[in-house]
Amino acid sequence: MHLNSYQLEAAETAQYNEKFYPIASLMVEAAELSDLFVKPMLRGDSVDIDRAKVVSEAGDVLWNLAMILKDSDITLEEVAQQNLRKLKSRAVRGVIQGSGGER
């Protein structure tokens, strides 16, 4: 599936009136995804991460990101392409492990 196709199909399921909804929801879903990894690491658990839960929570993160971008007239593919250009430029210039946004 192509990113833009996903974004369009995902938008068909959007049922919110306030553009703030996917912004707030993204924070919650990202925390839930992170929690699947962080809690076992902090506790020192030697448990396998539940793949199905990771896929489910990552999907929620992706949906909310797709809706935030759609509401801003930005496609997922545009973001992905720009991100790769940025990362490749950093790699070529030897600053991929630096800190800060514009390096």
PDB file of N, CA and C in Angstrom:
ATOM      1  N   MET A   1       0.844  -1.179   0.000  1.00  0.00           N
ATOM      2  CA  MET A   1       0.000   0.000   0.000  1.00  0.00           C
ATOM      3  C   MET A   1       0.888   1.241   0.000  1.00  0.00           C
ATOM      4  N   HIS A   2       0.509   2.222  -0.763  1.00  0.00           N
ATOM      5  CA  HIS A   2       1.227   3.495  -0.811  1.00  0.00           C
ATOM      6  C   HIS A   2       0.745   4.394   0.323  1.00  0.00           C
ATOM      7  N   LEU A   3       1.631   5.232   0.800  1.00  0.00           N
ATOM      8  CA  LEU A   3       1.299   6.094   1.932  1.00  0.00           C
ATOM      9  C   LEU A   3       0.105   6.998   1.654  1.00  0.00           C
ATOM     10  N   ASN A   4       0.069   7.589   0.460  1.00  0.00           N
ATOM     11  CA  ASN A   4      -1.050   8.485   0.156  1.00  0.00           C
ATOM     12  C   ASN A   4      -2.367   7.726   0.067  1.00  0.00           C
ATOM     13  N   SER A   5      -2.318   6.503  -0.438  1.00  0.00           N
ATOM     14  CA  SER A   5      -3.529   5.676  -0.486  1.00  0.00           C
ATOM     15  C   SER A   5      -4.020   5.390   0.931  1.00  0.00           C
ATOM     16  N   TYR A   6      -3.082   5.054   1.805  1.00  0.00           N
ATOM     17  CA  TYR A   6      -3.455   4.824   3.202  1.00  0.00           C
ATOM     18  C   TYR A   6      -4.123   6.066   3.785  1.00  0.00           C
ATOM     19  N   GLN A   7      -3.499   7.224   3.554  1.00  0.00           N
ATOM     20  CA  GLN A   7      -4.006   8.471   4.125  1.00  0.00           C
ATOM     21  C   GLN A   7      -5.438   8.753   3.659  1.00  0.00           C
ATOM     22  N   LEU A   8      -5.694   8.542   2.375  1.00  0.00           N
ATOM     23  CA  LEU A   8      -7.039   8.776   1.845  1.00  0.00           C
ATOM     24  C   LEU A   8      -8.054   7.796   2.419  1.00  0.00           C
ATOM     25  N   GLU A   9      -7.684   6.524   2.484  1.00  0.00           N
ATOM     26  CA  GLU A   9      -8.609   5.527   3.035  1.00  0.00           C
ATOM     27  C   GLU A   9      -8.826   5.738   4.532  1.00  0.00           C
ATOM     28  N   ALA A  10      -7.766   6.100   5.237  1.00  0.00           N
ATOM     29  CA  ALA A  10      -7.890   6.346   6.678  1.00  0.00           C
ATOM     30  C   ALA A  10      -8.822   7.522   6.941  1.00  0.00           C
ATOM     31  N   ALA A  11      -8.756   8.530   6.080  1.00  0.00           N
ATOM     32  CA  ALA A  11      -9.600   9.714   6.258  1.00  0.00           C
ATOM     33  C   ALA A  11     -11.079   9.364   6.181  1.00  0.00           C
ATOM     34  N   GLU A  12     -11.410   8.293   5.478  1.00  0.00           N
ATOM     35  CA  GLU A  12     -12.806   7.867   5.377  1.00  0.00           C
ATOM     36  C   GLU A  12     -13.354   7.407   6.730  1.00  0.00           C
ATOM     37  N   THR A  13     -12.463   7.083   7.664  1.00  0.00           N
ATOM     38  CA  THR A  13     -12.896   6.629   8.989  1.00  0.00           C
ATOM     39  C   THR A  13     -12.885   7.747  10.020  1.00  0.00           C
ATOM     40  N   ALA A  14     -12.423   8.936   9.634  1.00  0.00           N
ATOM     41  CA  ALA A  14     -12.302  10.049  10.577  1.00  0.00           C
ATOM     42  C   ALA A  14     -13.686  10.565  10.970  1.00  0.00           C
ATOM     43  N   GLN A  15     -13.910  10.631  12.272  1.00  0.00           N
ATOM     44  CA  GLN A  15     -15.185  11.127  12.787  1.00  0.00           C
ATOM     45  C   GLN A  15     -14.933  12.106  13.925  1.00  0.00           C
ATOM     46  N   TYR A  16     -14.306  13.211  13.605  1.00  0.00           N
ATOM     47  CA  TYR A  16     -14.068  14.235  14.615  1.00  0.00           C
ATOM     48  C   TYR A  16     -14.405  15.593  14.022  1.00  0.00           C
ATOM     49  N   ASN A  17     -14.790  16.506  14.893  1.00  0.00           N
ATOM     50  CA  ASN A  17     -15.151  17.852  14.459  1.00  0.00           C
ATOM     51  C   ASN A  17     -14.030  18.851  14.684  1.00  0.00           C
ATOM     52  N   GLU A  18     -13.203  18.592  15.667  1.00  0.00           N
ATOM     53  CA  GLU A  18     -12.121  19.507  16.022  1.00  0.00           C
ATOM     54  C   GLU A  18     -10.790  18.972  15.504  1.00  0.00           C
ATOM     55  N   LYS A  19     -10.053  19.809  14.793  1.00  0.00           N
ATOM     56  CA  LYS A  19      -8.743  19.390  14.278  1.00  0.00           C
ATOM     57  C   LYS A  19      -7.762  19.068  15.396  1.00  0.00           C
ATOM     58  N   PHE A  20      -8.081  19.484  16.604  1.00  0.00           N
ATOM     59  CA  PHE A  20      -7.217  19.194  17.743  1.00  0.00           C
ATOM     60  C   PHE A  20      -7.266  17.716  18.122  1.00  0.00           C
ATOM     61  N   TYR A  21      -8.347  17.029  17.767  1.00  0.00           N
ATOM     62  CA  TYR A  21      -8.506  15.626  18.178  1.00  0.00           C
ATOM     63  C   TYR A  21      -7.313  14.761  17.787  1.00  0.00           C
ATOM     64  N   PRO A  22      -6.916  14.695  16.504  1.00  0.00           N
ATOM     65  CA  PRO A  22      -5.794  13.811  16.183  1.00  0.00           C
ATOM     66  C   PRO A  22      -4.461  14.297  16.750  1.00  0.00           C
ATOM     67  N   ILE A  23      -4.352  15.585  17.038  1.00  0.00           N
ATOM     68  CA  ILE A  23      -3.121  16.102  17.643  1.00  0.00           C
ATOM     69  C   ILE A  23      -2.985  15.552  19.062  1.00  0.00           C
ATOM     70  N   ALA A  24      -4.033  15.690  19.841  1.00  0.00           N
ATOM     71  CA  ALA A  24      -4.008  15.173  21.212  1.00  0.00           C
ATOM     72  C   ALA A  24      -3.906  13.655  21.221  1.00  0.00           C
ATOM     73  N   SER A  25      -4.643  13.014  20.329  1.00  0.00           N
ATOM     74  CA  SER A  25      -4.652  11.558  20.273  1.00  0.00           C
ATOM     75  C   SER A  25      -3.292  10.995  19.869  1.00  0.00           C
ATOM     76  N   LEU A  26      -2.565  11.707  19.010  1.00  0.00           N
ATOM     77  CA  LEU A  26      -1.230  11.250  18.608  1.00  0.00           C
ATOM     78  C   LEU A  26      -0.315  11.142  19.822  1.00  0.00           C
ATOM     79  N   MET A  27      -0.383  12.114  20.701  1.00  0.00           N
ATOM     80  CA  MET A  27       0.461  12.073  21.902  1.00  0.00           C
ATOM     81  C   MET A  27       0.131  10.858  22.763  1.00  0.00           C
ATOM     82  N   VAL A  28      -1.152  10.589  22.929  1.00  0.00           N
ATOM     83  CA  VAL A  28      -1.583   9.455  23.743  1.00  0.00           C
ATOM     84  C   VAL A  28      -1.145   8.135  23.103  1.00  0.00           C
ATOM     85  N   GLU A  29      -1.396   7.997  21.806  1.00  0.00           N
ATOM     86  CA  GLU A  29      -1.072   6.748  21.123  1.00  0.00           C
ATOM     87  C   GLU A  29       0.438   6.513  21.048  1.00  0.00           C
ATOM     88  N   ALA A  30       1.208   7.591  20.849  1.00  0.00           N
ATOM     89  CA  ALA A  30       2.670   7.453  20.819  1.00  0.00           C
ATOM     90  C   ALA A  30       3.187   6.991  22.180  1.00  0.00           C
ATOM     91  N   ALA A  31       2.585   7.503  23.239  1.00  0.00           N
ATOM     92  CA  ALA A  31       2.970   7.074  24.585  1.00  0.00           C
ATOM     93  C   ALA A  31       2.626   5.607  24.807  1.00  0.00           C
ATOM     94  N   GLU A  32       1.471   5.183  24.318  1.00  0.00           N
ATOM     95  CA  GLU A  32       1.081   3.781  24.467  1.00  0.00           C
ATOM     96  C   GLU A  32       2.025   2.869  23.697  1.00  0.00           C
ATOM     97  N   LEU A  33       2.432   3.287  22.505  1.00  0.00           N
ATOM     98  CA  LEU A  33       3.396   2.502  21.721  1.00  0.00           C
ATOM     99  C   LEU A  33       4.732   2.429  22.451  1.00  0.00           C
ATOM    100  N   SER A  34       5.218   3.560  22.916  1.00  0.00           N
ATOM    101  CA  SER A  34       6.495   3.601  23.631  1.00  0.00           C
ATOM    102  C   SER A  34       6.458   2.744  24.881  1.00  0.00           C
ATOM    103  N   ASP A  35       5.337   2.780  25.574  1.00  0.00           N
ATOM    104  CA  ASP A  35       5.175   2.022  26.813  1.00  0.00           C
ATOM    105  C   ASP A  35       5.405   0.527  26.615  1.00  0.00           C
ATOM    106  N   LEU A  36       5.046   0.024  25.448  1.00  0.00           N
ATOM    107  CA  LEU A  36       5.237  -1.402  25.177  1.00  0.00           C
ATOM    108  C   LEU A  36       6.709  -1.793  25.266  1.00  0.00           C
ATOM    109  N   PHE A  37       7.598  -0.851  25.001  1.00  0.00           N
ATOM    110  CA  PHE A  37       9.036  -1.108  25.045  1.00  0.00           C
ATOM    111  C   PHE A  37       9.672  -0.614  26.342  1.00  0.00           C
ATOM    112  N   VAL A  38       9.230   0.560  26.796  1.00  0.00           N
ATOM    113  CA  VAL A  38       9.876   1.210  27.931  1.00  0.00           C
ATOM    114  C   VAL A  38       9.643   0.456  29.239  1.00  0.00           C
ATOM    115  N   LYS A  39       8.419   0.087  29.530  1.00  0.00           N
ATOM    116  CA  LYS A  39       8.143  -0.565  30.814  1.00  0.00           C
ATOM    117  C   LYS A  39       8.958  -1.839  31.002  1.00  0.00           C
ATOM    118  N   PRO A  40       9.009  -2.740  30.027  1.00  0.00           N
ATOM    119  CA  PRO A  40       9.852  -3.927  30.226  1.00  0.00           C
ATOM    120  C   PRO A  40      11.326  -3.568  30.415  1.00  0.00           C
ATOM    121  N   MET A  41      11.810  -2.564  29.691  1.00  0.00           N
ATOM    122  CA  MET A  41      13.214  -2.162  29.826  1.00  0.00           C
ATOM    123  C   MET A  41      13.491  -1.597  31.214  1.00  0.00           C
ATOM    124  N   LEU A  42      12.586  -0.741  31.706  1.00  0.00           N
ATOM    125  CA  LEU A  42      12.786  -0.130  33.019  1.00  0.00           C
ATOM    126  C   LEU A  42      12.706  -1.154  34.145  1.00  0.00           C
ATOM    127  N   ARG A  43      11.835  -2.144  33.977  1.00  0.00           N
ATOM    128  CA  ARG A  43      11.686  -3.178  35.010  1.00  0.00           C
ATOM    129  C   ARG A  43      12.749  -4.260  34.880  1.00  0.00           C
ATOM    130  N   GLY A  44      13.430  -4.276  33.746  1.00  0.00           N
ATOM    131  CA  GLY A  44      14.422  -5.324  33.520  1.00  0.00           C
ATOM    132  C   GLY A  44      13.790  -6.652  33.160  1.00  0.00           C
ATOM    133  N   ASP A  45      12.560  -6.606  32.660  1.00  0.00           N
ATOM    134  CA  ASP A  45      11.867  -7.829  32.263  1.00  0.00           C
ATOM    135  C   ASP A  45      12.562  -8.451  31.055  1.00  0.00           C
ATOM    136  N   SER A  46      12.594  -9.746  31.040  1.00  0.00           N
ATOM    137  CA  SER A  46      13.106 -10.434  29.849  1.00  0.00           C
ATOM    138  C   SER A  46      11.925 -11.087  29.137  1.00  0.00           C
ATOM    139  N   VAL A  47      11.014 -10.241  28.696  1.00  0.00           N
ATOM    140  CA  VAL A  47       9.823 -10.726  28.005  1.00  0.00           C
ATOM    141  C   VAL A  47       9.896 -10.326  26.548  1.00  0.00           C
ATOM    142  N   ASP A  48       9.271 -11.129  25.722  1.00  0.00           N
ATOM    143  CA  ASP A  48       9.163 -10.783  24.313  1.00  0.00           C
ATOM    144  C   ASP A  48       8.114  -9.686  24.166  1.00  0.00           C
ATOM    145  N   ILE A  49       8.423  -8.717  23.334  1.00  0.00           N
ATOM    146  CA  ILE A  49       7.464  -7.655  23.051  1.00  0.00           C
ATOM    147  C   ILE A  49       6.356  -8.251  22.181  1.00  0.00           C
ATOM    148  N   ASP A  50       5.121  -7.954  22.518  1.00  0.00           N
ATOM    149  CA  ASP A  50       3.971  -8.483  21.794  1.00  0.00           C
ATOM    150  C   ASP A  50       3.838  -7.781  20.439  1.00  0.00           C
ATOM    151  N   ARG A  51       4.182  -8.494  19.379  1.00  0.00           N
ATOM    152  CA  ARG A  51       4.174  -7.933  18.033  1.00  0.00           C
ATOM    153  C   ARG A  51       2.799  -7.379  17.653  1.00  0.00           C
ATOM    154  N   ALA A  52       1.751  -8.101  17.967  1.00  0.00           N
ATOM    155  CA  ALA A  52       0.396  -7.665  17.606  1.00  0.00           C
ATOM    156  C   ALA A  52       0.047  -6.341  18.284  1.00  0.00           C
ATOM    157  N   LYS A  53       0.462  -6.176  19.537  1.00  0.00           N
ATOM    158  CA  LYS A  53       0.200  -4.918  20.244  1.00  0.00           C
ATOM    159  C   LYS A  53       1.002  -3.779  19.621  1.00  0.00           C
ATOM    160  N   VAL A  54       2.258  -4.061  19.247  1.00  0.00           N
ATOM    161  CA  VAL A  54       3.079  -3.028  18.617  1.00  0.00           C
ATOM    162  C   VAL A  54       2.446  -2.592  17.299  1.00  0.00           C
ATOM    163  N   VAL A  55       2.028  -3.542  16.491  1.00  0.00           N
ATOM    164  CA  VAL A  55       1.411  -3.222  15.198  1.00  0.00           C
ATOM    165  C   VAL A  55       0.128  -2.419  15.418  1.00  0.00           C
ATOM    166  N   SER A  56      -0.667  -2.796  16.401  1.00  0.00           N
ATOM    167  CA  SER A  56      -1.914  -2.086  16.673  1.00  0.00           C
ATOM    168  C   SER A  56      -1.657  -0.649  17.109  1.00  0.00           C
ATOM    169  N   GLU A  57      -0.765  -0.463  18.065  1.00  0.00           N
ATOM    170  CA  GLU A  57      -0.478   0.893  18.555  1.00  0.00           C
ATOM    171  C   GLU A  57       0.214   1.736  17.489  1.00  0.00           C
ATOM    172  N   ALA A  58       1.112   1.132  16.716  1.00  0.00           N
ATOM    173  CA  ALA A  58       1.775   1.867  15.630  1.00  0.00           C
ATOM    174  C   ALA A  58       0.750   2.304  14.598  1.00  0.00           C
ATOM    175  N   GLY A  59      -0.240   1.474  14.349  1.00  0.00           N
ATOM    176  CA  GLY A  59      -1.316   1.841  13.436  1.00  0.00           C
ATOM    177  C   GLY A  59      -2.099   3.038  13.940  1.00  0.00           C
ATOM    178  N   ASP A  60      -2.341   3.092  15.253  1.00  0.00           N
ATOM    179  CA  ASP A  60      -3.046   4.244  15.831  1.00  0.00           C
ATOM    180  C   ASP A  60      -2.206   5.514  15.684  1.00  0.00           C
ATOM    181  N   VAL A  61      -0.899   5.388  15.890  1.00  0.00           N
ATOM    182  CA  VAL A  61       0.001   6.528  15.709  1.00  0.00           C
ATOM    183  C   VAL A  61      -0.047   6.993  14.253  1.00  0.00           C
ATOM    184  N   LEU A  62       0.038   6.038  13.331  1.00  0.00           N
ATOM    185  CA  LEU A  62       0.022   6.364  11.904  1.00  0.00           C
ATOM    186  C   LEU A  62      -1.284   7.046  11.506  1.00  0.00           C
ATOM    187  N   TRP A  63      -2.409   6.549  11.995  1.00  0.00           N
ATOM    188  CA  TRP A  63      -3.707   7.149  11.653  1.00  0.00           C
ATOM    189  C   TRP A  63      -3.760   8.601  12.113  1.00  0.00           C
ATOM    190  N   ASN A  64      -3.378   8.846  13.354  1.00  0.00           N
ATOM    191  CA  ASN A  64      -3.429  10.211  13.871  1.00  0.00           C
ATOM    192  C   ASN A  64      -2.483  11.132  13.116  1.00  0.00           C
ATOM    193  N   LEU A  65      -1.276  10.667  12.799  1.00  0.00           N
ATOM    194  CA  LEU A  65      -0.344  11.472  12.013  1.00  0.00           C
ATOM    195  C   LEU A  65      -0.937  11.764  10.637  1.00  0.00           C
ATOM    196  N   ALA A  66      -1.514  10.747  10.016  1.00  0.00           N
ATOM    197  CA  ALA A  66      -2.115  10.933   8.693  1.00  0.00           C
ATOM    198  C   ALA A  66      -3.223  11.973   8.728  1.00  0.00           C
ATOM    199  N   MET A  67      -4.018  11.994   9.789  1.00  0.00           N
ATOM    200  CA  MET A  67      -5.117  12.947   9.880  1.00  0.00           C
ATOM    201  C   MET A  67      -4.605  14.363  10.163  1.00  0.00           C
ATOM    202  N   ILE A  68      -3.592  14.491  10.999  1.00  0.00           N
ATOM    203  CA  ILE A  68      -2.999  15.812  11.257  1.00  0.00           C
ATOM    204  C   ILE A  68      -2.480  16.403   9.952  1.00  0.00           C
ATOM    205  N   LEU A  69      -1.773  15.588   9.193  1.00  0.00           N
ATOM    206  CA  LEU A  69      -1.222  16.056   7.926  1.00  0.00           C
ATOM    207  C   LEU A  69      -2.327  16.365   6.922  1.00  0.00           C
ATOM    208  N   LYS A  70      -3.325  15.516   6.831  1.00  0.00           N
ATOM    209  CA  LYS A  70      -4.443  15.747   5.912  1.00  0.00           C
ATOM    210  C   LYS A  70      -5.128  17.071   6.232  1.00  0.00           C
ATOM    211  N   ASP A  71      -5.360  17.311   7.506  1.00  0.00           N
ATOM    212  CA  ASP A  71      -6.000  18.558   7.926  1.00  0.00           C
ATOM    213  C   ASP A  71      -5.141  19.779   7.583  1.00  0.00           C
ATOM    214  N   SER A  72      -3.862  19.550   7.345  1.00  0.00           N
ATOM    215  CA  SER A  72      -2.929  20.624   6.982  1.00  0.00           C
ATOM    216  C   SER A  72      -2.581  20.601   5.493  1.00  0.00           C
ATOM    217  N   ASP A  73      -3.309  19.801   4.718  1.00  0.00           N
ATOM    218  CA  ASP A  73      -3.064  19.654   3.276  1.00  0.00           C
ATOM    219  C   ASP A  73      -1.639  19.211   2.965  1.00  0.00           C
ATOM    220  N   ILE A  74      -1.146  18.250   3.738  1.00  0.00           N
ATOM    221  CA  ILE A  74       0.176  17.667   3.541  1.00  0.00           C
ATOM    222  C   ILE A  74      -0.016  16.161   3.414  1.00  0.00           C
ATOM    223  N   THR A  75       0.669  15.543   2.460  1.00  0.00           N
ATOM    224  CA  THR A  75       0.550  14.094   2.297  1.00  0.00           C
ATOM    225  C   THR A  75       1.635  13.372   3.097  1.00  0.00           C
ATOM    226  N   LEU A  76       1.331  12.149   3.463  1.00  0.00           N
ATOM    227  CA  LEU A  76       2.322  11.303   4.127  1.00  0.00           C
ATOM    228  C   LEU A  76       3.546  11.091   3.234  1.00  0.00           C
ATOM    229  N   GLU A  77       3.309  10.925   1.932  1.00  0.00           N
ATOM    230  CA  GLU A  77       4.436  10.710   1.023  1.00  0.00           C
ATOM    231  C   GLU A  77       5.344  11.928   0.961  1.00  0.00           C
ATOM    232  N   GLU A  78       4.772  13.121   0.991  1.00  0.00           N
ATOM    233  CA  GLU A  78       5.594  14.334   0.998  1.00  0.00           C
ATOM    234  C   GLU A  78       6.495  14.352   2.228  1.00  0.00           C
ATOM    235  N   VAL A  79       5.934  14.013   3.370  1.00  0.00           N
ATOM    236  CA  VAL A  79       6.705  13.994   4.611  1.00  0.00           C
ATOM    237  C   VAL A  79       7.801  12.929   4.540  1.00  0.00           C
ATOM    238  N   ALA A  80       7.452  11.741   4.056  1.00  0.00           N
ATOM    239  CA  ALA A  80       8.429  10.659   3.966  1.00  0.00           C
ATOM    240  C   ALA A  80       9.575  11.019   3.015  1.00  0.00           C
ATOM    241  N   GLN A  81       9.249  11.583   1.871  1.00  0.00           N
ATOM    242  CA  GLN A  81      10.280  11.959   0.902  1.00  0.00           C
ATOM    243  C   GLN A  81      11.193  13.042   1.459  1.00  0.00           C
ATOM    244  N   GLN A  82      10.613  14.058   2.083  1.00  0.00           N
ATOM    245  CA  GLN A  82      11.417  15.133   2.660  1.00  0.00           C
ATOM    246  C   GLN A  82      12.313  14.610   3.775  1.00  0.00           C
ATOM    247  N   ASN A  83      11.777  13.710   4.593  1.00  0.00           N
ATOM    248  CA  ASN A  83      12.555  13.142   5.684  1.00  0.00           C
ATOM    249  C   ASN A  83      13.760  12.370   5.153  1.00  0.00           C
ATOM    250  N   LEU A  84      13.549  11.577   4.099  1.00  0.00           N
ATOM    251  CA  LEU A  84      14.671  10.827   3.517  1.00  0.00           C
ATOM    252  C   LEU A  84      15.716  11.760   2.916  1.00  0.00           C
ATOM    253  N   ARG A  85      15.270  12.823   2.241  1.00  0.00           N
ATOM    254  CA  ARG A  85      16.232  13.796   1.699  1.00  0.00           C
ATOM    255  C   ARG A  85      17.073  14.393   2.820  1.00  0.00           C
ATOM    256  N   LYS A  86      16.420  14.759   3.909  1.00  0.00           N
ATOM    257  CA  LYS A  86      17.115  15.362   5.046  1.00  0.00           C
ATOM    258  C   LYS A  86      18.132  14.383   5.633  1.00  0.00           C
ATOM    259  N   LEU A  87      17.708  13.148   5.862  1.00  0.00           N
ATOM    260  CA  LEU A  87      18.593  12.158   6.469  1.00  0.00           C
ATOM    261  C   LEU A  87      19.770  11.816   5.558  1.00  0.00           C
ATOM    262  N   LYS A  88      19.511  11.683   4.264  1.00  0.00           N
ATOM    263  CA  LYS A  88      20.599  11.391   3.323  1.00  0.00           C
ATOM    264  C   LYS A  88      21.595  12.536   3.265  1.00  0.00           C
ATOM    265  N   SER A  89      21.094  13.765   3.300  1.00  0.00           N
ATOM    266  CA  SER A  89      21.972  14.934   3.310  1.00  0.00           C
ATOM    267  C   SER A  89      22.849  14.931   4.559  1.00  0.00           C
ATOM    268  N   ARG A  90      22.259  14.633   5.682  1.00  0.00           N
ATOM    269  CA  ARG A  90      23.028  14.574   6.935  1.00  0.00           C
ATOM    270  C   ARG A  90      24.081  13.476   6.872  1.00  0.00           C
ATOM    271  N   ALA A  91      23.712  12.327   6.323  1.00  0.00           N
ATOM    272  CA  ALA A  91      24.659  11.220   6.219  1.00  0.00           C
ATOM    273  C   ALA A  91      25.847  11.606   5.335  1.00  0.00           C
ATOM    274  N   VAL A  92      25.563  12.227   4.201  1.00  0.00           N
ATOM    275  CA  VAL A  92      26.623  12.643   3.273  1.00  0.00           C
ATOM    276  C   VAL A  92      27.554  13.657   3.940  1.00  0.00           C
ATOM    277  N   ARG A  93      26.967  14.550   4.728  1.00  0.00           N
ATOM    278  CA  ARG A  93      27.757  15.594   5.383  1.00  0.00           C
ATOM    279  C   ARG A  93      28.363  15.139   6.705  1.00  0.00           C
ATOM    280  N   GLY A  94      28.088  13.898   7.125  1.00  0.00           N
ATOM    281  CA  GLY A  94      28.660  13.358   8.348  1.00  0.00           C
ATOM    282  C   GLY A  94      28.085  13.948   9.624  1.00  0.00           C
ATOM    283  N   VAL A  95      26.837  14.417   9.569  1.00  0.00           N
ATOM    284  CA  VAL A  95      26.224  15.024  10.752  1.00  0.00           C
ATOM    285  C   VAL A  95      24.944  14.298  11.172  1.00  0.00           C
ATOM    286  N   ILE A  96      24.797  13.082  10.736  1.00  0.00           N
ATOM    287  CA  ILE A  96      23.543  12.373  11.032  1.00  0.00           C
ATOM    288  C   ILE A  96      23.415  12.083  12.536  1.00  0.00           C
ATOM    289  N   GLN A  97      24.528  11.976  13.246  1.00  0.00           N
ATOM    290  CA  GLN A  97      24.452  11.711  14.686  1.00  0.00           C
ATOM    291  C   GLN A  97      24.561  12.981  15.514  1.00  0.00           C
ATOM    292  N   GLY A  98      24.487  14.130  14.884  1.00  0.00           N
ATOM    293  CA  GLY A  98      24.559  15.389  15.629  1.00  0.00           C
ATOM    294  C   GLY A  98      23.270  15.668  16.358  1.00  0.00           C
ATOM    295  N   SER A  99      23.169  16.860  16.915  1.00  0.00           N
ATOM    296  CA  SER A  99      21.940  17.227  17.625  1.00  0.00           C
ATOM    297  C   SER A  99      21.394  18.513  17.008  1.00  0.00           C
ATOM    298  N   GLY A 100      20.125  18.708  17.184  1.00  0.00           N
ATOM    299  CA  GLY A 100      19.483  19.900  16.636  1.00  0.00           C
ATOM    300  C   GLY A 100      18.790  19.614  15.320  1.00  0.00           C
ATOM    301  N   GLY A 101      17.867  20.467  14.972  1.00  0.00           N
ATOM    302  CA  GLY A 101      17.036  20.257  13.800  1.00  0.00           C
ATOM    303  C   GLY A 101      17.715  20.569  12.480  1.00  0.00           C
ATOM    304  N   GLU A 102      18.331  21.726  12.372  1.00  0.00           N
ATOM    305  CA  GLU A 102      18.926  22.170  11.090  1.00  0.00           C
ATOM    306  C   GLU A 102      20.437  22.034  11.144  1.00  0.00           C
ATOM    307  N   ARG A 103      20.930  20.858  10.790  1.00  0.00           N
ATOM    308  CA  ARG A 103      22.381  20.652  10.821  1.00  0.00           C
ATOM    309  C   ARG A 103      22.866  20.141   9.500  1.00  0.00           C
TER     310      ARG A 103
END
